[in-house]
N, C-alpha and C. Protein backbone atom coordinates (compact mmCIF):
# COMPACT_ATOMS: atom_id res chain seq x y z
N MET A 1 -19.67 5.53 17.27
CA MET A 1 -19.63 6.82 16.59
C MET A 1 -18.74 6.69 15.36
N VAL A 2 -19.29 6.96 14.20
CA VAL A 2 -18.50 6.89 12.98
C VAL A 2 -17.65 8.15 12.84
N LYS A 3 -16.55 8.05 12.10
CA LYS A 3 -15.63 9.17 11.98
C LYS A 3 -16.06 10.09 10.85
N LYS A 4 -16.32 11.36 11.19
CA LYS A 4 -16.68 12.36 10.19
C LYS A 4 -15.44 12.81 9.44
N LYS A 5 -14.30 12.83 10.13
CA LYS A 5 -13.06 13.32 9.53
C LYS A 5 -11.96 12.33 9.85
N LEU A 6 -11.23 11.93 8.84
CA LEU A 6 -10.15 10.98 9.03
C LEU A 6 -8.85 11.77 9.17
N VAL A 7 -8.26 11.73 10.34
CA VAL A 7 -7.03 12.47 10.59
C VAL A 7 -5.83 11.53 10.56
N GLU A 8 -4.65 12.09 10.45
CA GLU A 8 -3.42 11.31 10.34
C GLU A 8 -3.27 10.31 11.48
N ARG A 9 -3.66 10.69 12.68
CA ARG A 9 -3.55 9.79 13.83
C ARG A 9 -4.37 8.51 13.60
N LEU A 10 -5.58 8.65 13.06
CA LEU A 10 -6.42 7.48 12.80
C LEU A 10 -5.85 6.61 11.69
N ILE A 11 -5.21 7.22 10.72
CA ILE A 11 -4.58 6.46 9.63
C ILE A 11 -3.43 5.63 10.22
N SER A 12 -2.61 6.25 11.05
CA SER A 12 -1.51 5.53 11.69
C SER A 12 -2.02 4.45 12.62
N GLU A 13 -3.09 4.74 13.36
CA GLU A 13 -3.68 3.73 14.24
C GLU A 13 -4.22 2.54 13.45
N GLY A 14 -4.74 2.80 12.27
CA GLY A 14 -5.22 1.70 11.42
C GLY A 14 -4.09 0.75 11.07
N ALA A 15 -2.92 1.30 10.72
CA ALA A 15 -1.76 0.47 10.41
C ALA A 15 -1.32 -0.32 11.65
N GLU A 16 -1.35 0.32 12.81
CA GLU A 16 -0.98 -0.36 14.06
C GLU A 16 -1.99 -1.46 14.39
N LEU A 17 -3.27 -1.18 14.19
CA LEU A 17 -4.30 -2.18 14.44
C LEU A 17 -4.06 -3.42 13.56
N LEU A 18 -3.74 -3.21 12.29
CA LEU A 18 -3.48 -4.34 11.40
C LEU A 18 -2.26 -5.15 11.87
N ARG A 19 -1.20 -4.47 12.28
CA ARG A 19 -0.03 -5.18 12.82
C ARG A 19 -0.41 -6.02 14.03
N GLN A 20 -1.22 -5.43 14.92
CA GLN A 20 -1.63 -6.14 16.13
C GLN A 20 -2.51 -7.34 15.79
N LEU A 21 -3.44 -7.18 14.85
CA LEU A 21 -4.32 -8.27 14.46
C LEU A 21 -3.50 -9.42 13.85
N ASP A 22 -2.53 -9.06 13.00
CA ASP A 22 -1.65 -10.09 12.43
C ASP A 22 -0.88 -10.81 13.53
N GLY A 23 -0.37 -10.05 14.49
CA GLY A 23 0.42 -10.63 15.58
C GLY A 23 -0.41 -11.52 16.50
N LYS A 24 -1.71 -11.30 16.54
CA LYS A 24 -2.58 -12.09 17.41
C LYS A 24 -3.37 -13.14 16.61
N SER A 25 -2.92 -13.39 15.38
CA SER A 25 -3.52 -14.41 14.51
C SER A 25 -5.01 -14.19 14.24
N PHE A 26 -5.40 -12.93 14.16
CA PHE A 26 -6.76 -12.61 13.72
C PHE A 26 -6.68 -12.45 12.21
N PRO A 27 -7.31 -13.34 11.43
CA PRO A 27 -7.11 -13.32 9.98
C PRO A 27 -7.73 -12.10 9.29
N VAL A 28 -6.92 -11.37 8.54
CA VAL A 28 -7.38 -10.19 7.80
C VAL A 28 -6.99 -10.36 6.34
N GLU A 29 -8.00 -10.51 5.50
CA GLU A 29 -7.76 -10.62 4.05
C GLU A 29 -7.52 -9.23 3.46
N SER A 30 -8.33 -8.28 3.86
CA SER A 30 -8.25 -6.94 3.31
C SER A 30 -8.69 -5.95 4.38
N MET A 31 -8.12 -4.74 4.34
CA MET A 31 -8.49 -3.75 5.36
C MET A 31 -8.26 -2.35 4.80
N PHE A 32 -9.29 -1.51 4.92
CA PHE A 32 -9.15 -0.12 4.48
C PHE A 32 -10.23 0.75 5.09
N TRP A 33 -9.88 2.03 5.26
CA TRP A 33 -10.86 3.05 5.60
C TRP A 33 -11.61 3.37 4.31
N PHE A 34 -12.91 3.57 4.40
CA PHE A 34 -13.70 3.95 3.22
C PHE A 34 -14.57 5.14 3.57
N HIS A 35 -14.61 6.10 2.66
CA HIS A 35 -15.44 7.29 2.87
C HIS A 35 -16.80 7.09 2.21
N PHE A 36 -17.84 7.06 3.02
CA PHE A 36 -19.20 6.97 2.50
C PHE A 36 -19.68 8.39 2.26
N SER A 37 -19.57 8.83 1.02
CA SER A 37 -19.81 10.24 0.70
C SER A 37 -21.27 10.66 0.89
N ASP A 38 -22.23 9.76 0.68
CA ASP A 38 -23.64 10.13 0.86
C ASP A 38 -23.94 10.60 2.28
N GLU A 39 -23.35 9.91 3.27
CA GLU A 39 -23.57 10.28 4.67
C GLU A 39 -22.39 11.06 5.24
N ASP A 40 -21.31 11.22 4.46
CA ASP A 40 -20.11 11.93 4.83
C ASP A 40 -19.49 11.40 6.13
N TYR A 41 -19.12 10.11 6.11
CA TYR A 41 -18.39 9.54 7.24
C TYR A 41 -17.42 8.48 6.73
N TRP A 42 -16.40 8.18 7.57
CA TRP A 42 -15.39 7.17 7.28
C TRP A 42 -15.63 5.94 8.15
N ARG A 43 -15.41 4.79 7.56
CA ARG A 43 -15.59 3.53 8.27
C ARG A 43 -14.40 2.64 7.96
N LEU A 44 -13.90 1.91 8.96
CA LEU A 44 -12.80 0.98 8.77
C LEU A 44 -13.40 -0.38 8.41
N LEU A 45 -13.12 -0.83 7.19
CA LEU A 45 -13.66 -2.10 6.70
C LEU A 45 -12.59 -3.18 6.84
N ILE A 46 -12.95 -4.27 7.50
CA ILE A 46 -12.03 -5.40 7.66
C ILE A 46 -12.72 -6.62 7.09
N ALA A 47 -12.09 -7.21 6.06
CA ALA A 47 -12.60 -8.44 5.48
C ALA A 47 -11.82 -9.59 6.11
N SER A 48 -12.56 -10.47 6.78
CA SER A 48 -11.92 -11.57 7.49
C SER A 48 -12.69 -12.88 7.25
N PRO A 49 -11.97 -13.96 6.96
CA PRO A 49 -12.65 -15.25 6.80
C PRO A 49 -13.33 -15.74 8.07
N ILE A 50 -13.00 -15.13 9.20
CA ILE A 50 -13.64 -15.52 10.46
C ILE A 50 -15.16 -15.30 10.39
N VAL A 51 -15.59 -14.32 9.60
CA VAL A 51 -17.03 -14.03 9.48
C VAL A 51 -17.75 -15.22 8.85
N LYS A 52 -17.14 -15.79 7.80
CA LYS A 52 -17.76 -16.94 7.14
C LYS A 52 -17.61 -18.22 7.97
N GLN A 53 -16.45 -18.36 8.62
CA GLN A 53 -16.17 -19.59 9.37
C GLN A 53 -16.91 -19.66 10.69
N LYS A 54 -16.96 -18.56 11.44
CA LYS A 54 -17.53 -18.60 12.79
C LYS A 54 -18.74 -17.69 12.98
N GLY A 55 -19.03 -16.85 11.97
CA GLY A 55 -20.17 -15.94 12.06
C GLY A 55 -19.74 -14.54 12.49
N GLY A 56 -20.55 -13.57 12.12
CA GLY A 56 -20.25 -12.18 12.42
C GLY A 56 -20.18 -11.86 13.90
N ALA A 57 -21.10 -12.44 14.69
CA ALA A 57 -21.12 -12.15 16.12
C ALA A 57 -19.84 -12.62 16.79
N GLU A 58 -19.37 -13.81 16.44
CA GLU A 58 -18.12 -14.32 17.02
C GLU A 58 -16.93 -13.49 16.55
N GLY A 59 -16.96 -13.07 15.29
CA GLY A 59 -15.88 -12.22 14.77
C GLY A 59 -15.79 -10.90 15.51
N TYR A 60 -16.93 -10.24 15.72
CA TYR A 60 -16.95 -8.99 16.47
C TYR A 60 -16.54 -9.19 17.92
N ARG A 61 -16.96 -10.32 18.52
CA ARG A 61 -16.56 -10.59 19.90
C ARG A 61 -15.04 -10.68 20.02
N ARG A 62 -14.43 -11.46 19.12
CA ARG A 62 -12.96 -11.60 19.15
C ARG A 62 -12.27 -10.26 18.85
N LEU A 63 -12.80 -9.53 17.88
CA LEU A 63 -12.21 -8.24 17.53
C LEU A 63 -12.32 -7.27 18.71
N ASN A 64 -13.44 -7.27 19.40
CA ASN A 64 -13.62 -6.41 20.56
C ASN A 64 -12.63 -6.76 21.66
N GLU A 65 -12.41 -8.05 21.91
CA GLU A 65 -11.42 -8.47 22.92
C GLU A 65 -10.04 -7.93 22.56
N LEU A 66 -9.68 -8.06 21.30
CA LEU A 66 -8.36 -7.59 20.86
C LEU A 66 -8.25 -6.07 20.96
N LEU A 67 -9.31 -5.36 20.57
CA LEU A 67 -9.28 -3.90 20.66
C LEU A 67 -9.11 -3.42 22.10
N ARG A 68 -9.79 -4.09 23.04
CA ARG A 68 -9.67 -3.69 24.46
C ARG A 68 -8.25 -3.88 24.98
N SER A 69 -7.52 -4.84 24.41
CA SER A 69 -6.16 -5.09 24.89
C SER A 69 -5.12 -4.17 24.23
N MET A 70 -5.54 -3.40 23.24
CA MET A 70 -4.62 -2.50 22.52
C MET A 70 -4.77 -1.09 23.06
N GLU A 71 -3.73 -0.31 22.83
CA GLU A 71 -3.76 1.09 23.26
C GLU A 71 -3.98 1.99 22.05
N LEU A 72 -5.22 2.01 21.56
CA LEU A 72 -5.58 2.88 20.44
C LEU A 72 -6.49 3.97 20.98
N ALA A 73 -6.15 5.21 20.71
CA ALA A 73 -6.91 6.31 21.26
C ALA A 73 -8.15 6.65 20.44
N GLY A 74 -8.09 6.39 19.12
CA GLY A 74 -9.18 6.89 18.27
C GLY A 74 -10.10 5.86 17.67
N ILE A 75 -9.63 4.65 17.42
CA ILE A 75 -10.45 3.64 16.75
C ILE A 75 -11.21 2.82 17.79
N THR A 76 -12.51 2.71 17.58
CA THR A 76 -13.34 1.89 18.45
C THR A 76 -14.07 0.86 17.60
N LEU A 77 -14.68 -0.11 18.24
CA LEU A 77 -15.42 -1.14 17.54
C LEU A 77 -16.55 -0.54 16.70
N GLU A 78 -17.11 0.58 17.17
CA GLU A 78 -18.20 1.23 16.43
C GLU A 78 -17.75 1.83 15.10
N ASP A 79 -16.45 1.99 14.90
CA ASP A 79 -15.91 2.53 13.66
C ASP A 79 -15.65 1.45 12.62
N ILE A 80 -15.83 0.18 13.00
CA ILE A 80 -15.39 -0.94 12.17
C ILE A 80 -16.57 -1.74 11.64
N SER A 81 -16.47 -2.12 10.37
CA SER A 81 -17.39 -3.10 9.80
C SER A 81 -16.56 -4.33 9.47
N LEU A 82 -16.93 -5.45 10.04
CA LEU A 82 -16.26 -6.72 9.82
C LEU A 82 -17.09 -7.50 8.81
N LEU A 83 -16.47 -7.84 7.66
CA LEU A 83 -17.21 -8.42 6.55
C LEU A 83 -16.57 -9.70 6.05
N ASP A 84 -17.39 -10.56 5.44
CA ASP A 84 -16.92 -11.75 4.75
C ASP A 84 -16.20 -11.28 3.49
N PRO A 85 -14.95 -11.71 3.24
CA PRO A 85 -14.23 -11.24 2.06
C PRO A 85 -14.85 -11.65 0.73
N GLU A 86 -15.77 -12.61 0.76
CA GLU A 86 -16.42 -13.04 -0.46
C GLU A 86 -17.82 -12.45 -0.62
N SER A 87 -18.26 -11.63 0.34
CA SER A 87 -19.61 -11.08 0.28
C SER A 87 -19.72 -10.03 -0.81
N ALA A 88 -20.91 -9.92 -1.37
CA ALA A 88 -21.16 -8.94 -2.42
C ALA A 88 -20.94 -7.52 -1.90
N GLN A 89 -21.33 -7.28 -0.64
CA GLN A 89 -21.14 -5.95 -0.04
C GLN A 89 -19.66 -5.57 0.00
N PHE A 90 -18.82 -6.49 0.50
CA PHE A 90 -17.41 -6.17 0.58
C PHE A 90 -16.79 -6.01 -0.81
N LEU A 91 -17.09 -6.92 -1.72
CA LEU A 91 -16.51 -6.84 -3.07
C LEU A 91 -16.90 -5.54 -3.76
N SER A 92 -18.12 -5.10 -3.54
CA SER A 92 -18.58 -3.83 -4.12
C SER A 92 -17.79 -2.65 -3.54
N LEU A 93 -17.61 -2.64 -2.22
CA LEU A 93 -16.86 -1.55 -1.58
C LEU A 93 -15.39 -1.56 -2.00
N ARG A 94 -14.79 -2.76 -2.10
CA ARG A 94 -13.40 -2.84 -2.54
C ARG A 94 -13.25 -2.35 -3.98
N PHE A 95 -14.23 -2.67 -4.82
CA PHE A 95 -14.21 -2.18 -6.21
C PHE A 95 -14.27 -0.66 -6.23
N LEU A 96 -15.17 -0.08 -5.45
CA LEU A 96 -15.28 1.39 -5.40
C LEU A 96 -13.99 2.03 -4.91
N ALA A 97 -13.40 1.44 -3.86
CA ALA A 97 -12.14 1.98 -3.33
C ALA A 97 -11.02 1.87 -4.35
N SER A 98 -10.94 0.76 -5.04
CA SER A 98 -9.83 0.54 -5.97
C SER A 98 -9.93 1.43 -7.22
N HIS A 99 -11.10 1.96 -7.50
CA HIS A 99 -11.26 2.83 -8.66
C HIS A 99 -11.30 4.31 -8.29
N SER A 100 -10.85 4.60 -7.10
CA SER A 100 -10.73 5.97 -6.63
C SER A 100 -9.39 6.52 -7.11
N SER A 101 -9.25 7.81 -7.21
CA SER A 101 -7.99 8.42 -7.65
C SER A 101 -6.94 8.30 -6.57
N ARG A 102 -5.71 7.94 -6.96
CA ARG A 102 -4.62 7.82 -6.00
C ARG A 102 -4.11 9.22 -5.65
N LEU A 103 -3.90 9.45 -4.37
CA LEU A 103 -3.38 10.74 -3.92
C LEU A 103 -1.95 10.60 -3.41
N ALA A 104 -1.69 9.63 -2.53
CA ALA A 104 -0.36 9.51 -1.93
C ALA A 104 -0.14 8.10 -1.43
N THR A 105 1.12 7.74 -1.32
CA THR A 105 1.49 6.44 -0.78
C THR A 105 2.27 6.65 0.50
N GLY A 106 1.78 6.04 1.59
CA GLY A 106 2.49 6.12 2.86
C GLY A 106 3.38 4.91 3.04
N PRO A 107 4.07 4.82 4.13
CA PRO A 107 4.97 3.69 4.37
C PRO A 107 4.25 2.35 4.45
N GLU A 108 3.01 2.34 4.92
CA GLU A 108 2.28 1.08 5.09
C GLU A 108 0.89 1.13 4.48
N TRP A 109 0.57 2.15 3.76
CA TRP A 109 -0.76 2.26 3.19
C TRP A 109 -0.70 3.11 1.91
N VAL A 110 -1.81 3.08 1.18
CA VAL A 110 -1.94 3.96 0.04
C VAL A 110 -3.21 4.78 0.24
N GLU A 111 -3.10 6.05 -0.03
CA GLU A 111 -4.21 6.97 0.18
C GLU A 111 -4.87 7.24 -1.16
N LEU A 112 -6.15 6.92 -1.22
CA LEU A 112 -6.95 7.17 -2.41
C LEU A 112 -7.96 8.27 -2.08
N GLU A 113 -8.66 8.74 -3.07
CA GLU A 113 -9.62 9.81 -2.84
C GLU A 113 -10.68 9.42 -1.81
N ASP A 114 -11.17 8.20 -1.89
CA ASP A 114 -12.23 7.75 -0.99
C ASP A 114 -11.83 6.62 -0.07
N ALA A 115 -10.53 6.34 0.03
CA ALA A 115 -10.11 5.20 0.85
C ALA A 115 -8.66 5.36 1.29
N ILE A 116 -8.35 4.74 2.41
CA ILE A 116 -6.96 4.56 2.87
C ILE A 116 -6.80 3.04 2.96
N VAL A 117 -5.94 2.48 2.11
CA VAL A 117 -5.84 1.03 2.00
C VAL A 117 -4.57 0.53 2.68
N TYR A 118 -4.73 -0.44 3.58
CA TYR A 118 -3.62 -1.09 4.26
C TYR A 118 -3.29 -2.44 3.63
N ARG A 119 -4.31 -3.12 3.16
CA ARG A 119 -4.11 -4.45 2.57
C ARG A 119 -5.23 -4.72 1.58
N TRP A 120 -4.85 -5.17 0.37
CA TRP A 120 -5.86 -5.56 -0.62
C TRP A 120 -6.18 -7.04 -0.53
N THR A 121 -5.18 -7.87 -0.32
CA THR A 121 -5.40 -9.32 -0.26
C THR A 121 -4.68 -9.89 0.95
N GLY A 122 -5.08 -11.08 1.35
CA GLY A 122 -4.45 -11.74 2.49
C GLY A 122 -3.24 -12.54 2.08
N GLU A 123 -2.88 -12.54 0.80
CA GLU A 123 -1.77 -13.34 0.32
C GLU A 123 -0.46 -12.91 0.99
N SER A 124 0.28 -13.89 1.52
CA SER A 124 1.56 -13.58 2.17
C SER A 124 2.50 -14.76 2.00
N LEU A 125 3.74 -14.49 2.34
CA LEU A 125 4.79 -15.50 2.31
C LEU A 125 5.50 -15.43 3.64
N SER A 126 5.64 -16.55 4.34
CA SER A 126 6.30 -16.56 5.65
C SER A 126 7.39 -17.62 5.67
N ALA A 127 8.43 -17.31 6.45
CA ALA A 127 9.54 -18.24 6.61
C ALA A 127 10.28 -17.91 7.90
N ASP A 128 10.96 -18.90 8.45
CA ASP A 128 11.81 -18.68 9.61
C ASP A 128 13.16 -18.17 9.16
N LEU A 129 13.68 -17.18 9.87
CA LEU A 129 15.00 -16.64 9.56
C LEU A 129 16.06 -17.38 10.34
N THR A 130 17.21 -17.55 9.72
CA THR A 130 18.34 -18.20 10.40
C THR A 130 19.38 -17.18 10.83
N CYS A 131 19.09 -15.90 10.59
CA CYS A 131 20.01 -14.83 11.02
C CYS A 131 19.28 -13.88 11.93
N ASN A 132 20.03 -13.10 12.69
CA ASN A 132 19.47 -12.16 13.63
C ASN A 132 19.46 -10.76 13.04
N VAL A 133 18.32 -10.38 12.46
CA VAL A 133 18.17 -9.05 11.86
C VAL A 133 16.82 -8.47 12.29
N SER A 134 16.67 -7.18 12.11
CA SER A 134 15.41 -6.51 12.44
C SER A 134 14.57 -6.37 11.16
N ALA A 135 13.29 -6.07 11.35
CA ALA A 135 12.40 -5.82 10.21
C ALA A 135 12.89 -4.61 9.41
N GLU A 136 13.43 -3.61 10.10
CA GLU A 136 13.96 -2.43 9.42
C GLU A 136 15.15 -2.80 8.53
N GLU A 137 16.03 -3.66 9.03
CA GLU A 137 17.18 -4.10 8.22
C GLU A 137 16.71 -4.91 7.01
N LEU A 138 15.74 -5.79 7.21
CA LEU A 138 15.21 -6.56 6.09
C LEU A 138 14.61 -5.64 5.04
N THR A 139 13.90 -4.62 5.48
CA THR A 139 13.31 -3.65 4.55
C THR A 139 14.41 -2.92 3.80
N ARG A 140 15.46 -2.53 4.50
CA ARG A 140 16.58 -1.84 3.85
C ARG A 140 17.25 -2.74 2.81
N PHE A 141 17.47 -4.02 3.14
CA PHE A 141 18.06 -4.96 2.19
C PHE A 141 17.18 -5.08 0.93
N TRP A 142 15.88 -5.21 1.16
CA TRP A 142 14.95 -5.36 0.03
C TRP A 142 14.92 -4.10 -0.83
N GLU A 143 14.90 -2.94 -0.19
CA GLU A 143 14.87 -1.68 -0.96
C GLU A 143 16.15 -1.51 -1.79
N SER A 144 17.28 -1.93 -1.25
CA SER A 144 18.54 -1.88 -2.01
C SER A 144 18.48 -2.79 -3.23
N ALA A 145 17.94 -3.99 -3.05
CA ALA A 145 17.81 -4.94 -4.16
C ALA A 145 16.83 -4.43 -5.21
N ARG A 146 15.78 -3.75 -4.77
CA ARG A 146 14.79 -3.21 -5.70
C ARG A 146 15.35 -2.14 -6.61
N LYS A 147 16.40 -1.44 -6.16
CA LYS A 147 16.99 -0.37 -6.97
C LYS A 147 17.62 -0.91 -8.25
N VAL A 148 18.04 -2.17 -8.24
CA VAL A 148 18.68 -2.75 -9.42
C VAL A 148 17.78 -3.78 -10.13
N SER A 149 16.56 -3.93 -9.64
CA SER A 149 15.62 -4.86 -10.27
C SER A 149 14.27 -4.20 -10.40
N ASN A 150 13.34 -4.93 -10.89
CA ASN A 150 11.98 -4.40 -11.06
C ASN A 150 11.02 -5.10 -10.11
N GLU A 151 11.46 -5.34 -8.88
CA GLU A 151 10.64 -6.05 -7.91
C GLU A 151 9.66 -5.08 -7.23
N PRO A 152 8.53 -5.59 -6.75
CA PRO A 152 7.53 -4.73 -6.10
C PRO A 152 7.95 -4.34 -4.69
N LYS A 153 7.35 -3.27 -4.20
CA LYS A 153 7.55 -2.86 -2.82
C LYS A 153 6.83 -3.84 -1.91
N LEU A 154 7.46 -4.21 -0.80
CA LEU A 154 6.89 -5.16 0.14
C LEU A 154 6.68 -4.55 1.52
N LEU A 155 5.72 -5.08 2.23
CA LEU A 155 5.58 -4.83 3.66
C LEU A 155 6.19 -6.03 4.35
N ILE A 156 7.14 -5.79 5.23
CA ILE A 156 7.89 -6.85 5.87
C ILE A 156 7.65 -6.81 7.37
N ALA A 157 7.17 -7.93 7.91
CA ALA A 157 6.92 -8.03 9.35
C ALA A 157 7.79 -9.15 9.90
N LEU A 158 8.27 -8.94 11.12
CA LEU A 158 9.12 -9.92 11.77
C LEU A 158 8.57 -10.17 13.17
N ASN A 159 8.30 -11.45 13.47
CA ASN A 159 7.74 -11.80 14.76
C ASN A 159 8.39 -13.10 15.24
N ASP A 160 9.19 -13.01 16.30
CA ASP A 160 9.87 -14.18 16.89
C ASP A 160 10.67 -14.97 15.86
N GLY A 161 11.44 -14.26 15.04
CA GLY A 161 12.31 -14.91 14.06
C GLY A 161 11.60 -15.40 12.82
N ARG A 162 10.31 -15.09 12.68
CA ARG A 162 9.55 -15.49 11.50
C ARG A 162 9.22 -14.22 10.70
N VAL A 163 9.63 -14.22 9.43
CA VAL A 163 9.38 -13.07 8.57
C VAL A 163 8.15 -13.34 7.71
N THR A 164 7.33 -12.29 7.55
CA THR A 164 6.15 -12.38 6.68
C THR A 164 6.24 -11.26 5.67
N LEU A 165 6.07 -11.61 4.40
CA LEU A 165 6.12 -10.65 3.29
C LEU A 165 4.74 -10.51 2.68
N ARG A 166 4.37 -9.26 2.40
CA ARG A 166 3.12 -8.96 1.68
C ARG A 166 3.40 -7.85 0.69
N PHE A 167 2.64 -7.80 -0.37
CA PHE A 167 2.76 -6.70 -1.31
C PHE A 167 2.27 -5.42 -0.66
N HIS A 168 2.97 -4.31 -0.92
CA HIS A 168 2.51 -3.00 -0.46
C HIS A 168 1.21 -2.70 -1.19
N PRO A 169 0.23 -2.08 -0.52
CA PRO A 169 -1.05 -1.83 -1.19
C PRO A 169 -0.96 -0.90 -2.40
N GLN A 170 0.17 -0.19 -2.59
CA GLN A 170 0.29 0.66 -3.77
C GLN A 170 0.23 -0.15 -5.06
N HIS A 171 0.49 -1.45 -4.98
CA HIS A 171 0.46 -2.30 -6.16
C HIS A 171 -0.94 -2.80 -6.48
N GLY A 172 -1.93 -2.45 -5.68
CA GLY A 172 -3.28 -2.93 -5.91
C GLY A 172 -3.42 -4.38 -5.48
N GLU A 173 -4.25 -5.11 -6.17
CA GLU A 173 -4.57 -6.48 -5.78
C GLU A 173 -3.64 -7.48 -6.46
N LEU A 174 -2.34 -7.30 -6.31
CA LEU A 174 -1.37 -8.24 -6.89
C LEU A 174 -1.52 -9.62 -6.28
N THR A 175 -1.21 -10.62 -7.09
CA THR A 175 -1.13 -11.99 -6.60
C THR A 175 0.24 -12.53 -6.98
N GLY A 176 0.60 -13.69 -6.49
CA GLY A 176 1.87 -14.29 -6.84
C GLY A 176 2.99 -13.92 -5.90
N ILE A 177 2.70 -13.75 -4.61
CA ILE A 177 3.73 -13.38 -3.64
C ILE A 177 4.87 -14.39 -3.62
N GLU A 178 4.58 -15.66 -3.94
CA GLU A 178 5.62 -16.68 -3.94
C GLU A 178 6.73 -16.36 -4.95
N ASN A 179 6.45 -15.50 -5.94
CA ASN A 179 7.45 -15.13 -6.93
C ASN A 179 8.55 -14.22 -6.37
N VAL A 180 8.35 -13.66 -5.17
CA VAL A 180 9.40 -12.81 -4.58
C VAL A 180 10.30 -13.59 -3.63
N LYS A 181 10.01 -14.88 -3.45
CA LYS A 181 10.80 -15.67 -2.52
C LYS A 181 12.29 -15.69 -2.90
N ARG A 182 12.58 -16.05 -4.12
CA ARG A 182 13.99 -16.14 -4.56
C ARG A 182 14.67 -14.76 -4.57
N PRO A 183 14.04 -13.73 -5.15
CA PRO A 183 14.67 -12.40 -5.09
C PRO A 183 14.90 -11.92 -3.66
N PHE A 184 13.99 -12.24 -2.73
CA PHE A 184 14.16 -11.83 -1.35
C PHE A 184 15.33 -12.56 -0.72
N GLN A 185 15.46 -13.85 -0.99
CA GLN A 185 16.60 -14.60 -0.47
C GLN A 185 17.91 -14.01 -0.98
N LEU A 186 17.93 -13.63 -2.27
CA LEU A 186 19.15 -13.03 -2.83
C LEU A 186 19.45 -11.68 -2.17
N ALA A 187 18.40 -10.92 -1.86
CA ALA A 187 18.61 -9.62 -1.21
C ALA A 187 19.23 -9.77 0.17
N LEU A 188 18.93 -10.88 0.84
CA LEU A 188 19.51 -11.12 2.17
C LEU A 188 20.98 -11.45 2.10
N HIS A 189 21.43 -11.96 0.98
CA HIS A 189 22.85 -12.32 0.86
C HIS A 189 23.62 -11.09 0.44
């Protein structure tokens, strides 16, 4: 059943789903809700290299296994389209979403007129931490450093002492995440 109305709970669940997929090593290049205005429904689009590497059926099988192990009340496999990130269909939908009017930026997503974007690209930077801090503390350190510099907003994830940095989707399809490595190290000091 596709979603006729996208409510705040589904937006939050989308962010949680992405965190869970990252934590379970399910590769996600890009992920966003998209409003298909002709039929008036919302669909969660996930671009994953698994589609090209192992095929769509295997990708859906793995995604279904992961969904069953998660506690999501609103998102089902029927709400999701799993696409090759290089496919013409996905690139066309990402183009349409990126040229929608911006309405608001959430903590982990950006809300556009026809899309809710969690991730534009799969580009990330990961490293092991040598100190004992939480993801919230790392975010606070980075936000403090950003106040005196012109660095981009980051999404910061921490899993078993390994930190992963990604650009916040409000920046669009930025590349060059490796350029924040040195500023991030300075922010930790």
